[in-house]
Amino acid sequence: MMRRHLSEEEEDPVYVKRSKISKINNETNQNEPVGLGDLKVLKHKVTGKARILVRALNSGNILLNTAVTKASMFTIAGKKENIVIIPNITPQGLERYYAMVKTSNDAKALVDALEKVK
């Protein structure tokens, strides 16, 4: 069963899927594991703003929390086409994460949900 946290009360889940999150090191282009959790695409009921939120399965700690904007570009990658590259703009610059889902259909559904909420 999916838990809803207080910070998510005003948001509707558009997409929810278990995902392995890794951060792409910009210098080495290597993947650094962040954790496993439920990836949620959430849309605020009042403002219409959307974000990607991933919480760790056991602890509930936030692994990734990033806004979805009209300028956000999401791409599918990997041999199995089951990885979605997620950009995250920070004061230090662009960070790239990847979310590995189970199947290529799951990745396509994630990108479709992200495009829908832009």
Protein backbone atom coordinates (compact mmCIF):
# COMPACT_ATOMS: atom_id res chain seq x y z
CA MET A 1 0.00 0.00 0.00
CA MET A 2 1.29 3.46 -0.89
CA ARG A 3 1.86 5.78 2.07
CA ARG A 4 1.04 9.47 1.71
CA HIS A 5 3.10 11.93 3.68
CA LEU A 6 1.89 15.29 4.96
CA SER A 7 3.84 17.11 2.26
CA GLU A 8 1.83 15.22 -0.37
CA GLU A 9 -1.70 15.94 0.89
CA GLU A 10 -2.40 18.67 -1.67
CA GLU A 11 -1.07 16.61 -4.59
CA ASP A 12 -2.55 13.94 -6.79
CA PRO A 13 -0.34 11.02 -7.87
CA VAL A 14 -0.27 10.79 -11.68
CA TYR A 15 2.20 7.89 -11.81
CA VAL A 16 3.62 5.58 -9.12
CA LYS A 17 6.16 2.81 -9.70
CA ARG A 18 8.99 1.22 -7.76
CA SER A 19 12.30 2.47 -9.11
CA LYS A 20 16.02 2.24 -8.53
CA ILE A 21 17.51 5.76 -8.45
CA SER A 22 21.11 6.57 -9.37
CA LYS A 23 22.90 9.89 -9.80
CA ILE A 24 25.05 10.37 -12.89
CA ASN A 25 28.44 11.86 -11.99
CA ASN A 26 28.98 14.74 -14.44
CA GLU A 27 32.77 14.40 -14.35
CA THR A 28 33.14 10.64 -14.78
CA ASN A 29 29.74 9.91 -16.37
CA GLN A 30 29.47 6.97 -13.94
CA ASN A 31 26.32 6.04 -12.04
CA GLU A 32 26.29 6.44 -8.26
CA PRO A 33 23.45 4.46 -6.58
CA VAL A 34 21.10 6.57 -4.46
CA GLY A 35 18.50 3.99 -3.43
CA LEU A 36 15.30 2.08 -4.13
CA GLY A 37 11.87 3.58 -3.63
CA ASP A 38 8.47 4.44 -5.02
CA LEU A 39 8.81 7.07 -7.75
CA LYS A 40 5.78 9.35 -7.82
CA VAL A 41 4.83 11.99 -10.34
CA LEU A 42 2.71 14.37 -8.29
CA LYS A 43 0.55 17.28 -9.48
CA HIS A 44 -0.57 19.98 -7.05
CA LYS A 45 -4.36 20.29 -6.91
CA VAL A 46 -4.39 24.11 -6.69
CA THR A 47 -1.28 25.40 -8.49
CA GLY A 48 -1.03 22.67 -11.12
CA LYS A 49 2.73 22.43 -10.53
CA ALA A 50 4.23 18.97 -10.87
CA ARG A 51 7.21 17.24 -9.33
CA ILE A 52 8.96 13.90 -9.14
CA LEU A 53 9.29 12.54 -5.62
CA VAL A 54 11.09 9.35 -4.66
CA ARG A 55 11.16 8.14 -1.06
CA ALA A 56 13.27 5.25 0.21
CA LEU A 57 11.19 2.14 0.80
CA ASN A 58 12.08 1.43 4.41
CA SER A 59 12.99 4.80 5.90
CA GLY A 60 10.79 7.13 3.86
CA ASN A 61 13.78 9.46 3.35
CA ILE A 62 13.67 11.54 0.20
CA LEU A 63 15.96 10.19 -2.52
CA LEU A 64 14.90 12.65 -5.24
CA ASN A 65 12.58 15.65 -5.25
CA THR A 66 12.60 17.74 -8.42
CA ALA A 67 10.20 20.02 -10.25
CA VAL A 68 8.78 19.10 -13.64
CA THR A 69 8.85 22.17 -15.89
CA LYS A 70 7.95 22.81 -19.51
CA ALA A 71 11.68 22.90 -20.28
CA SER A 72 12.38 19.50 -18.65
CA MET A 73 13.59 16.86 -21.09
CA PHE A 74 13.14 13.21 -20.15
CA THR A 75 14.82 10.50 -22.20
CA ILE A 76 14.65 6.73 -22.20
CA ALA A 77 17.97 4.88 -22.14
CA GLY A 78 19.51 1.48 -21.46
CA LYS A 79 19.75 -1.78 -23.38
CA LYS A 80 16.30 -2.79 -22.11
CA GLU A 81 14.95 0.78 -22.56
CA ASN A 82 13.84 0.71 -18.93
CA ILE A 83 15.82 3.73 -17.69
CA VAL A 84 14.55 7.32 -17.67
CA ILE A 85 17.09 10.15 -17.40
CA ILE A 86 15.79 12.88 -15.06
CA PRO A 87 17.34 16.38 -14.99
CA ASN A 88 17.49 18.26 -11.68
CA ILE A 89 18.44 21.95 -11.63
CA THR A 90 20.23 23.03 -8.43
CA PRO A 91 22.08 26.23 -7.45
CA GLN A 92 25.30 24.33 -8.26
CA GLY A 93 24.10 23.50 -11.78
CA LEU A 94 22.50 20.59 -13.62
CA GLU A 95 22.39 17.18 -11.96
CA ARG A 96 21.25 14.10 -13.84
CA TYR A 97 19.57 11.13 -12.21
CA TYR A 98 18.31 7.96 -13.70
CA ALA A 99 15.30 5.97 -12.66
CA MET A 100 15.40 2.28 -13.55
CA VAL A 101 11.95 0.72 -13.75
CA LYS A 102 11.06 -2.89 -14.46
CA THR A 103 10.12 -2.79 -18.15
CA SER A 104 10.36 -0.58 -21.22
CA ASN A 105 6.57 -0.12 -21.04
CA ASP A 106 6.98 1.24 -17.49
CA ALA A 107 9.61 3.70 -18.75
CA LYS A 108 7.35 4.82 -21.59
CA ALA A 109 4.44 5.26 -19.17
CA LEU A 110 6.67 7.36 -16.89
CA VAL A 111 7.77 9.65 -19.73
CA ASP A 112 4.16 9.93 -20.94
CA ALA A 113 3.03 10.91 -17.42
CA LEU A 114 5.83 13.50 -17.18
CA GLU A 115 4.95 15.00 -20.56
CA LYS A 116 1.29 15.15 -19.56
CA VAL A 117 1.93 17.18 -16.38
CA LYS A 118 4.39 19.69 -17.90
